[in-house]
Amino acid sequence: MALAHLGHALTEAREPREAIPILERLLRTNPRDDQGYADIGKPYEMEGETKRAIQAYHQALLSSPSQIDVHYRLFQLYRRIGEQDKAQKELAAFKADEAQKHEGYLQSLADLK
């Protein structure tokens, strides 16, 4: 958990070169950490490693397909590299997940009444 927090903090501090080895170590220790794959995608992006970022985000979605932010990140990356079909697919997944999340929120409010 400490590696995850440190990697995230370094990414937020705009220190991707320091974050990447920390997050890679986390994933070697726990290769099933879907959030770790989502987290490492961002510093890869910051370093211009688009292919590695895309691979990391797809790995994150294998374990947890409803990670809304990962779909949006993939949309942005695919759009940036000119893969419009893939970008639109990820945007659609993002919008569907957002709608489902919103619907769940409304249901929770209705249940409180």
Protein backbone atom coordinates (compact mmCIF):
# COMPACT_ATOMS: atom_id res chain seq x y z
CA MET A 1 0.00 0.00 0.00
CA ALA A 2 2.88 2.34 0.76
CA LEU A 3 4.27 1.87 -2.76
CA ALA A 4 0.89 2.74 -4.24
CA HIS A 5 0.63 5.91 -2.17
CA LEU A 6 4.21 6.94 -2.92
CA GLY A 7 3.79 6.32 -6.66
CA HIS A 8 0.56 8.28 -6.69
CA ALA A 9 2.10 11.16 -4.73
CA LEU A 10 5.09 11.33 -7.09
CA THR A 11 2.76 11.36 -10.08
CA GLU A 12 0.68 14.16 -8.58
CA ALA A 13 3.93 16.05 -7.84
CA ARG A 14 4.71 15.82 -11.58
CA GLU A 15 7.66 13.49 -10.98
CA PRO A 16 6.84 10.67 -13.41
CA ARG A 17 10.43 9.43 -13.73
CA GLU A 18 10.47 8.78 -10.01
CA ALA A 19 6.92 7.39 -9.91
CA ILE A 20 7.37 4.78 -12.65
CA PRO A 21 9.96 2.56 -10.90
CA ILE A 22 7.95 2.68 -7.67
CA LEU A 23 4.76 1.63 -9.44
CA GLU A 24 6.59 -1.01 -11.49
CA ARG A 25 7.89 -2.46 -8.22
CA LEU A 26 4.34 -2.47 -6.87
CA LEU A 27 3.13 -4.40 -9.92
CA ARG A 28 5.98 -6.92 -9.71
CA THR A 29 4.97 -7.53 -6.10
CA ASN A 30 1.27 -7.66 -6.87
CA PRO A 31 0.65 -8.27 -10.60
CA ARG A 32 -3.13 -8.41 -10.09
CA ASP A 33 -3.39 -4.87 -8.74
CA ASP A 34 -5.77 -3.31 -11.28
CA GLN A 35 -5.50 0.09 -9.61
CA GLY A 36 -1.71 -0.14 -9.86
CA TYR A 37 -2.01 -0.53 -13.64
CA ALA A 38 -4.37 2.43 -13.79
CA ASP A 39 -1.95 4.46 -11.67
CA ILE A 40 1.14 3.67 -13.74
CA GLY A 41 -0.58 4.72 -16.95
CA LYS A 42 -0.52 8.39 -15.99
CA PRO A 43 3.25 8.73 -15.46
CA TYR A 44 3.79 6.76 -18.68
CA GLU A 45 1.62 9.35 -20.41
CA MET A 46 3.56 12.18 -18.80
CA GLU A 47 6.79 10.68 -20.14
CA GLY A 48 5.35 10.34 -23.64
CA GLU A 49 5.22 6.55 -23.44
CA THR A 50 1.80 6.31 -25.06
CA LYS A 51 2.00 2.62 -25.99
CA ARG A 52 2.95 1.62 -22.44
CA ALA A 53 0.20 3.83 -21.01
CA ILE A 54 -2.40 2.22 -23.26
CA GLN A 55 -1.19 -1.26 -22.31
CA ALA A 56 -1.33 -0.40 -18.61
CA TYR A 57 -4.85 1.00 -18.89
CA HIS A 58 -6.07 -2.06 -20.77
CA GLN A 59 -4.52 -4.29 -18.11
CA ALA A 60 -6.38 -2.31 -15.45
CA LEU A 61 -9.65 -2.85 -17.30
CA LEU A 62 -9.12 -6.61 -17.53
CA SER A 63 -9.65 -6.91 -13.78
CA SER A 64 -11.97 -3.99 -13.30
CA PRO A 65 -13.82 -3.04 -16.51
CA SER A 66 -15.91 -0.33 -14.90
CA GLN A 67 -13.05 2.02 -14.04
CA ILE A 68 -14.66 5.11 -15.49
CA ASP A 69 -11.53 7.26 -15.42
CA VAL A 70 -9.50 4.64 -17.29
CA HIS A 71 -11.97 4.65 -20.18
CA TYR A 72 -11.67 8.42 -20.34
CA ARG A 73 -7.87 8.31 -20.29
CA LEU A 74 -7.89 5.77 -23.11
CA PHE A 75 -10.28 7.99 -25.06
CA GLN A 76 -7.87 10.90 -24.71
CA LEU A 77 -4.83 8.83 -25.71
CA TYR A 78 -6.47 7.24 -28.72
CA ARG A 79 -7.75 10.62 -29.87
CA ARG A 80 -4.27 12.11 -29.47
CA ILE A 81 -2.68 9.43 -31.65
CA GLY A 82 -5.41 9.60 -34.28
CA GLU A 83 -7.17 6.29 -33.61
CA GLN A 84 -10.67 7.74 -33.76
CA ASP A 85 -12.60 4.44 -33.79
CA LYS A 86 -10.90 3.28 -30.61
CA ALA A 87 -11.31 6.73 -29.09
CA GLN A 88 -15.05 6.70 -29.74
CA LYS A 89 -15.38 3.20 -28.29
CA GLU A 90 -13.71 4.32 -25.07
CA LEU A 91 -15.79 7.50 -24.93
CA ALA A 92 -18.96 5.42 -25.29
CA ALA A 93 -17.82 3.13 -22.46
CA PHE A 94 -17.04 6.19 -20.32
CA LYS A 95 -20.47 7.72 -20.98
CA ALA A 96 -22.26 4.43 -20.27
CA ASP A 97 -20.40 3.99 -16.98
CA GLU A 98 -21.13 7.61 -16.01
CA ALA A 99 -24.83 7.13 -16.76
CA GLN A 100 -24.91 3.94 -14.70
CA LYS A 101 -23.11 5.67 -11.83
CA HIS A 102 -25.60 8.55 -11.97
CA GLU A 103 -28.54 6.15 -12.03
CA GLY A 104 -27.16 4.38 -8.96
CA TYR A 105 -26.81 7.70 -7.18
CA LEU A 106 -30.41 8.62 -7.96
CA GLN A 107 -31.59 5.22 -6.73
CA SER A 108 -29.67 5.72 -3.48
CA LEU A 109 -31.40 9.07 -2.97
CA ALA A 110 -34.79 7.49 -3.67
CA ASP A 111 -34.04 4.73 -1.15
CA LEU A 112 -33.34 7.33 1.54
CA LYS A 113 -36.86 8.74 1.20
